[in-house]
C-alpha cells in the first residue's frame, strides 16, 4: 500500500526553540494515523507543515504525492483540515458556510450548493441547514467544521483534536463518521488529547516528544512495549497508601502509582491473576482494607507515562507556537 503522507527529517526552529528535530512519518493510504505527544512535542507544528501553513527549516515531506514546499497550490486542492476550534461563520447558516467553502474551491455555484446539501445530510444537519450557526450546539459546530473540510472530497484529511469539548455521545458520532470516511479510502492524520480516541480510531500511532518520534506501532504493539499487567486497587483510607505501597513494592516491575485523593493504587506486575492474589494476601496480612481490586492490560496512558514521563490526564494540549 503506497504512503499518502511521507515526512523525512523535518526540522523547525523558532529562535532558540527547536519545535521539530528530525520528524519522520509514513502514513499508508486509507488508514488513520494517530499523532500523540505531550505539550510542546511538535504535533501541531507537524500538521502545519504538512498542510503548507509553515515551511520546514530542513527535511522534506510529500502529501498525496505533492511536495509541501514546491507544490503548495495543487496540494491544497487535495487535502482537508479541521482544527481544534470550529472554523465556521456564526452569522451564516450551515448551508451557506459549506457553499462558501465550495466556492473557494472553485466548484461553481450549482455544485457548491449540491455538495453542501450532501454533506449536511451525511452529518445529520439537514434540519439545521438554514439556521444561523450561532445557534448550533458544540457538537453541531464540530460536525459542520468537519463537513467543511470534506467539501472538495479530499483524499487526505488532517484532524487536529477534532472532538475537543464534545460530550461522549457527540464524540462517538464523530468517530463513526471518521471510520466511514476511512472505509471509503480517505487517509486521516489525527492528533488527539484523548487516549481512548487514538485506541479506537488509529491503525498506527506515533508517540512524539521533543520534536521527533520516540515510539511507533499499533496500539497493541505500543502497549506490549510497556509490558505486563496492571493491578488497580482502591483502598478505604488514604492513610493506608504508604504502607500498601511499601508492602506491594516487591511485586512491582516498575514504579507504583498512587492517587491520594481517590485512595487508589496502580502496580505494574507480571504473573496476571497470581500476582493479584499475592497482592491481596499481602495487604490482608497488614490488615489493610481493600474496597475494590482489578487486573488490566496497559493502556495508552500507561504508554505515555512510561515513554515520555508525562501524565496525560486526558488533557494533552499542543502549545500553539
Protein backbone atom coordinates (compact mmCIF):
# COMPACT_ATOMS: atom_id res chain seq x y z
CA UNK A 1 0.00 0.00 0.00
CA UNK A 2 1.52 3.36 -1.03
CA UNK A 3 2.02 6.12 1.51
CA UNK A 4 -0.28 9.15 1.37
CA UNK A 5 1.94 11.15 3.74
CA UNK A 6 5.74 10.94 3.95
CA UNK A 7 7.93 13.19 6.09
CA UNK A 8 11.68 12.79 6.41
CA UNK A 9 13.92 14.70 8.77
CA UNK A 10 11.62 17.66 9.33
CA UNK A 11 13.21 20.43 11.39
CA UNK A 12 11.54 23.62 12.57
CA UNK A 13 13.05 26.20 14.88
CA UNK A 14 11.59 29.31 16.49
CA UNK A 15 14.65 31.23 17.60
CA UNK A 16 16.37 29.05 20.18
CA UNK A 17 13.37 26.73 20.48
CA UNK A 18 13.52 23.53 18.42
CA UNK A 19 9.92 22.55 17.67
CA UNK A 20 10.80 19.68 15.31
CA UNK A 21 14.09 17.83 15.49
CA UNK A 22 14.15 15.30 12.66
CA UNK A 23 10.48 14.28 12.41
CA UNK A 24 9.89 11.16 10.28
CA UNK A 25 6.43 9.90 9.34
CA UNK A 26 4.95 7.46 6.83
CA UNK A 27 1.16 7.12 6.59
CA UNK A 28 -0.29 4.46 4.26
CA UNK A 29 -3.29 5.38 2.11
CA UNK A 30 -6.71 4.65 3.57
CA UNK A 31 -5.60 4.48 7.19
CA UNK A 32 -5.86 6.56 10.37
CA UNK A 33 -2.51 7.63 11.77
CA UNK A 34 -2.53 8.92 15.34
CA UNK A 35 -0.01 11.58 16.38
CA UNK A 36 0.26 11.74 20.16
CA UNK A 37 2.54 13.74 22.42
CA UNK A 38 2.71 15.98 25.49
CA UNK A 39 2.59 19.76 25.45
CA UNK A 40 5.10 21.25 23.01
CA UNK A 41 6.02 17.89 21.49
CA UNK A 42 5.64 19.20 17.94
CA UNK A 43 2.30 17.77 16.84
CA UNK A 44 0.62 20.95 15.67
CA UNK A 45 3.86 22.21 14.09
CA UNK A 46 4.00 18.96 12.09
CA UNK A 47 0.40 19.36 10.94
CA UNK A 48 1.00 22.98 9.92
CA UNK A 49 3.97 21.97 7.78
CA UNK A 50 2.09 19.09 6.17
CA UNK A 51 -0.84 21.41 5.36
CA UNK A 52 1.52 24.05 3.85
CA UNK A 53 0.89 26.63 6.59
CA UNK A 54 4.57 26.54 7.66
CA UNK A 55 7.80 25.86 5.82
CA UNK A 56 10.29 23.48 7.42
CA UNK A 57 13.84 24.68 8.08
CA UNK A 58 15.19 21.31 6.95
CA UNK A 59 13.90 17.98 5.69
CA UNK A 60 11.11 17.39 3.21
CA UNK A 61 7.60 15.99 3.06
CA UNK A 62 5.08 14.87 0.47
CA UNK A 63 1.30 14.63 0.88
CA UNK A 64 -0.89 12.97 -1.73
CA UNK A 65 2.17 12.92 -3.99
CA UNK A 66 2.85 16.66 -3.72
CA UNK A 67 5.83 18.36 -2.11
CA UNK A 68 4.68 20.57 0.78
CA UNK A 69 7.02 23.41 -0.23
CA UNK A 70 7.19 23.27 -4.04
CA UNK A 71 3.61 22.16 -4.79
CA UNK A 72 1.57 24.31 -2.41
CA UNK A 73 -1.31 25.20 -4.74
CA UNK A 74 -2.09 21.70 -6.10
CA UNK A 75 -1.54 20.14 -2.68
CA UNK A 76 -4.12 22.38 -1.02
CA UNK A 77 -6.70 21.10 -3.50
CA UNK A 78 -6.09 17.54 -2.30
CA UNK A 79 -6.30 17.97 1.48
CA UNK A 80 -8.87 18.93 4.07
CA UNK A 81 -8.23 20.11 7.62
CA UNK A 82 -10.25 20.54 10.79
CA UNK A 83 -8.60 22.23 13.76
CA UNK A 84 -9.20 22.29 17.49
CA UNK A 85 -11.82 25.03 17.13
CA UNK A 86 -14.62 25.02 14.58
CA UNK A 87 -13.75 27.44 11.78
CA UNK A 88 -17.28 28.44 10.88
CA UNK A 89 -19.01 31.79 10.40
CA UNK A 90 -21.62 32.29 13.13
CA UNK A 91 -23.66 34.74 11.07
CA UNK A 92 -24.13 32.39 8.10
CA UNK A 93 -26.38 29.35 8.04
CA UNK A 94 -24.92 25.86 7.95
CA UNK A 95 -25.70 25.59 4.24
CA UNK A 96 -24.18 28.99 3.49
CA UNK A 97 -20.97 28.05 5.32
CA UNK A 98 -20.50 24.94 3.20
CA UNK A 99 -21.49 26.71 -0.03
CA UNK A 100 -18.89 29.38 0.69
CA UNK A 101 -16.20 26.72 1.10
CA UNK A 102 -17.31 25.14 -2.17
CA UNK A 103 -16.92 28.44 -4.00
CA UNK A 104 -13.47 28.90 -2.50
CA UNK A 105 -12.60 25.53 -4.05
CA UNK A 106 -13.99 26.83 -7.39
CA UNK A 107 -16.72 24.18 -7.53
CA UNK A 108 -19.17 26.59 -9.10
CA UNK A 109 -22.43 27.80 -7.55
CA UNK A 110 -24.55 24.80 -8.54
CA UNK A 111 -22.06 22.16 -7.49
CA UNK A 112 -21.27 24.02 -4.26
CA UNK A 113 -24.97 24.01 -3.29
CA UNK A 114 -25.31 20.34 -4.19
CA UNK A 115 -22.21 19.36 -2.22
CA UNK A 116 -23.38 21.39 0.79
CA UNK A 117 -26.71 19.54 0.87
CA UNK A 118 -24.96 16.16 0.52
CA UNK A 119 -22.71 16.88 3.49
CA UNK A 120 -25.47 18.37 5.64
CA UNK A 121 -27.40 15.14 5.18
CA UNK A 122 -24.36 12.99 5.89
CA UNK A 123 -23.60 14.84 9.12
CA UNK A 124 -27.24 14.85 10.26
CA UNK A 125 -27.54 18.63 9.95
CA UNK A 126 -30.32 18.85 7.37
CA UNK A 127 -32.91 20.20 9.81
CA UNK A 128 -30.48 22.94 10.91
CA UNK A 129 -29.21 23.70 7.40
CA UNK A 130 -30.96 27.07 7.11
CA UNK A 131 -30.40 28.24 10.68
CA UNK A 132 -27.55 30.63 11.64
CA UNK A 133 -24.59 28.71 13.06
CA UNK A 134 -24.56 30.91 16.18
CA UNK A 135 -27.49 28.81 17.42
CA UNK A 136 -25.71 25.47 16.90
CA UNK A 137 -24.54 23.29 19.77
CA UNK A 138 -20.86 22.48 20.18
CA UNK A 139 -21.33 19.07 18.60
CA UNK A 140 -23.20 20.50 15.63
CA UNK A 141 -20.47 23.11 15.06
CA UNK A 142 -17.76 20.42 15.10
CA UNK A 143 -19.71 18.31 12.59
CA UNK A 144 -20.19 21.34 10.34
CA UNK A 145 -16.47 22.14 10.54
CA UNK A 146 -15.57 18.58 9.55
CA UNK A 147 -18.12 18.75 6.72
CA UNK A 148 -16.36 21.90 5.51
CA UNK A 149 -13.08 20.01 5.37
CA UNK A 150 -14.74 17.46 3.08
CA UNK A 151 -16.38 19.80 0.57
CA UNK A 152 -13.72 19.12 -2.08
CA UNK A 153 -13.74 15.38 -1.27
CA UNK A 154 -10.02 15.37 -0.39
CA UNK A 155 -8.08 12.09 -0.32
CA UNK A 156 -6.12 13.22 2.78
CA UNK A 157 -7.68 14.71 5.89
CA UNK A 158 -5.91 16.33 8.86
CA UNK A 159 -7.84 16.36 12.13
CA UNK A 160 -6.24 18.32 14.96
CA UNK A 161 -8.05 17.30 18.18
CA UNK A 162 -11.42 17.02 16.38
CA UNK A 163 -13.55 16.08 19.41
CA UNK A 164 -12.19 18.52 21.99
CA UNK A 165 -15.01 19.75 24.23
CA UNK A 166 -17.65 17.35 22.91
CA UNK A 167 -19.85 15.21 25.13
CA UNK A 168 -19.46 11.40 24.90
CA UNK A 169 -22.42 10.99 22.51
CA UNK A 170 -21.16 13.66 20.12
CA UNK A 171 -17.64 12.19 20.23
CA UNK A 172 -18.94 8.71 19.39
CA UNK A 173 -20.97 10.14 16.48
CA UNK A 174 -17.91 11.88 15.05
CA UNK A 175 -15.85 8.70 15.48
CA UNK A 176 -18.39 6.84 13.34
CA UNK A 177 -18.12 9.46 10.59
CA UNK A 178 -14.31 9.28 10.61
CA UNK A 179 -14.43 5.47 10.41
CA UNK A 180 -16.81 5.68 7.44
CA UNK A 181 -14.51 8.10 5.62
CA UNK A 182 -11.51 5.82 6.06
CA UNK A 183 -13.55 2.79 4.91
CA UNK A 184 -14.20 4.75 1.72
CA UNK A 185 -10.47 5.31 1.18
CA UNK A 186 -9.71 8.63 2.91
CA UNK A 187 -6.37 8.90 4.72
CA UNK A 188 -6.57 10.61 8.12
CA UNK A 189 -3.80 12.07 10.25
CA UNK A 190 -5.24 12.57 13.73
CA UNK A 191 -3.89 14.45 16.71
CA UNK A 192 -5.90 13.95 19.86
CA UNK A 193 -5.86 14.64 23.57
CA UNK A 194 -7.92 11.51 24.28
CA UNK A 195 -6.15 8.18 24.59
CA UNK A 196 -9.37 6.22 24.07
CA UNK A 197 -9.89 8.09 20.80
CA UNK A 198 -6.48 7.02 19.49
CA UNK A 199 -7.14 3.47 20.68
CA UNK A 200 -10.49 3.41 18.91
CA UNK A 201 -9.56 5.04 15.60
CA UNK A 202 -5.84 4.82 14.81
CA UNK A 203 -4.40 1.98 12.75
CA UNK A 204 -0.91 3.13 13.77
CA UNK A 205 0.28 5.61 16.38
CA UNK A 206 3.43 7.71 16.63
CA UNK A 207 4.34 8.94 20.10
CA UNK A 208 6.14 12.27 19.70
CA UNK A 209 8.35 14.04 22.24
CA UNK A 210 10.92 16.82 21.84
CA UNK A 211 10.13 17.15 18.15
CA UNK A 212 10.69 13.59 16.96
CA UNK A 213 9.06 10.16 17.07
CA UNK A 214 10.07 8.11 20.11
CA UNK A 215 7.75 5.13 19.54
CA UNK A 216 5.74 3.83 16.60
CA UNK A 217 3.29 0.99 16.14
CA UNK A 218 -0.27 -0.17 16.61
CA UNK A 219 -1.95 0.49 19.96
CA UNK A 220 -1.34 -3.15 20.96
CA UNK A 221 2.32 -3.01 19.93
CA UNK A 222 2.88 0.13 21.99
CA UNK A 223 1.16 -1.46 24.98
CA UNK A 224 3.36 -4.53 24.59
CA UNK A 225 6.43 -2.27 24.78
CA UNK A 226 5.30 -1.18 28.23
CA UNK A 227 4.77 -4.84 29.10
CA UNK A 228 2.96 -6.71 31.85
CA UNK A 229 -0.37 -6.22 33.56
CA UNK A 230 -1.60 -3.59 35.98
CA UNK A 231 -3.17 -4.23 39.36
CA UNK A 232 -5.58 -1.45 40.28
CA UNK A 233 -6.56 -1.15 43.92
CA UNK A 234 -8.95 1.16 45.73
CA UNK A 235 -8.41 1.37 49.49
CA UNK A 236 -10.79 2.59 52.18
CA UNK A 237 -8.31 5.08 53.64
CA UNK A 238 -5.57 7.34 52.28
CA UNK A 239 -3.62 6.64 55.46
CA UNK A 240 -3.02 3.07 54.23
CA UNK A 241 -1.45 4.11 50.92
CA UNK A 242 2.10 4.43 52.22
CA UNK A 243 2.01 1.03 53.95
CA UNK A 244 0.36 -0.60 50.95
CA UNK A 245 2.98 0.88 48.60
CA UNK A 246 5.80 -0.46 50.75
CA UNK A 247 4.09 -3.86 51.06
CA UNK A 248 3.49 -4.31 47.34
CA UNK A 249 6.76 -2.81 46.05
CA UNK A 250 8.42 -6.29 45.85
CA UNK A 251 5.73 -7.39 43.37
CA UNK A 252 6.05 -4.36 41.11
CA UNK A 253 8.09 -4.40 37.89
CA UNK A 254 8.07 -0.60 37.76
CA UNK A 255 7.04 2.30 39.94
CA UNK A 256 3.83 2.08 41.98
CA UNK A 257 1.47 4.95 41.10
CA UNK A 258 -0.77 6.35 43.84
CA UNK A 259 -3.70 8.75 43.88
CA UNK A 260 -4.08 10.08 47.41
CA UNK A 261 -7.35 11.90 46.75
CA UNK A 262 -9.05 8.75 45.40
CA UNK A 263 -7.23 6.25 47.70
CA UNK A 264 -6.14 4.37 44.58
CA UNK A 265 -3.01 2.50 43.54
CA UNK A 266 -1.70 1.09 40.25
CA UNK A 267 1.02 -1.58 40.38
CA UNK A 268 2.72 -2.89 37.20
CA UNK A 269 3.22 -6.65 37.59
CA UNK A 270 3.90 -9.89 35.78
CA UNK A 271 2.05 -13.10 36.51
CA UNK A 272 -1.51 -11.93 35.96
CA UNK A 273 -4.10 -13.37 38.34
CA UNK A 274 -1.41 -14.97 40.54
CA UNK A 275 0.13 -11.54 41.16
CA UNK A 276 -3.28 -10.13 42.10
CA UNK A 277 -3.88 -12.99 44.55
CA UNK A 278 -0.46 -12.42 46.11
CA UNK A 279 -1.06 -8.67 46.40
CA UNK A 280 -4.39 -9.15 48.16
CA UNK A 281 -2.83 -11.68 50.53
CA UNK A 282 -0.03 -9.28 51.48
CA UNK A 283 -2.49 -6.46 52.12
CA UNK A 284 -4.70 -8.71 54.25
CA UNK A 285 -1.66 -9.65 56.35
CA UNK A 286 -1.09 -5.93 57.00
CA UNK A 287 -4.80 -5.50 57.87
CA UNK A 288 -5.29 -3.06 55.00
CA UNK A 289 -8.88 -2.93 53.78
CA UNK A 290 -9.41 -3.04 50.03
CA UNK A 291 -12.58 -1.52 48.59
CA UNK A 292 -12.03 -2.70 45.03
CA UNK A 293 -9.36 -4.61 43.09
CA UNK A 294 -8.83 -5.47 39.45
CA UNK A 295 -6.32 -6.61 36.85
CA UNK A 296 -5.98 -4.95 33.45
CA UNK A 297 -3.67 -4.62 30.47
CA UNK A 298 -1.62 -1.45 29.96
CA UNK A 299 -3.48 1.48 28.39
CA UNK A 300 -2.16 4.18 26.09
CA UNK A 301 -1.99 6.40 29.17
CA UNK A 302 0.50 3.91 30.63
CA UNK A 303 2.45 4.02 27.37
CA UNK A 304 2.54 7.80 27.56
CA UNK A 305 3.74 7.88 31.13
CA UNK A 306 6.40 5.25 30.51
CA UNK A 307 7.75 6.68 27.25
CA UNK A 308 7.56 10.41 27.92
CA UNK A 309 7.46 10.70 31.70
CA UNK A 310 4.34 12.90 31.39
CA UNK A 311 0.87 12.18 32.76
CA UNK A 312 -1.89 12.65 30.20
CA UNK A 313 -4.91 13.11 32.48
CA UNK A 314 -6.93 13.25 29.27
CA UNK A 315 -5.72 16.83 28.85
CA UNK A 316 -2.79 16.71 26.48
CA UNK A 317 -2.64 20.02 24.65
CA UNK A 318 -0.29 21.21 21.96
CA UNK A 319 1.28 24.56 22.69
CA UNK A 320 0.39 26.95 19.88
CA UNK A 321 3.64 28.31 18.58
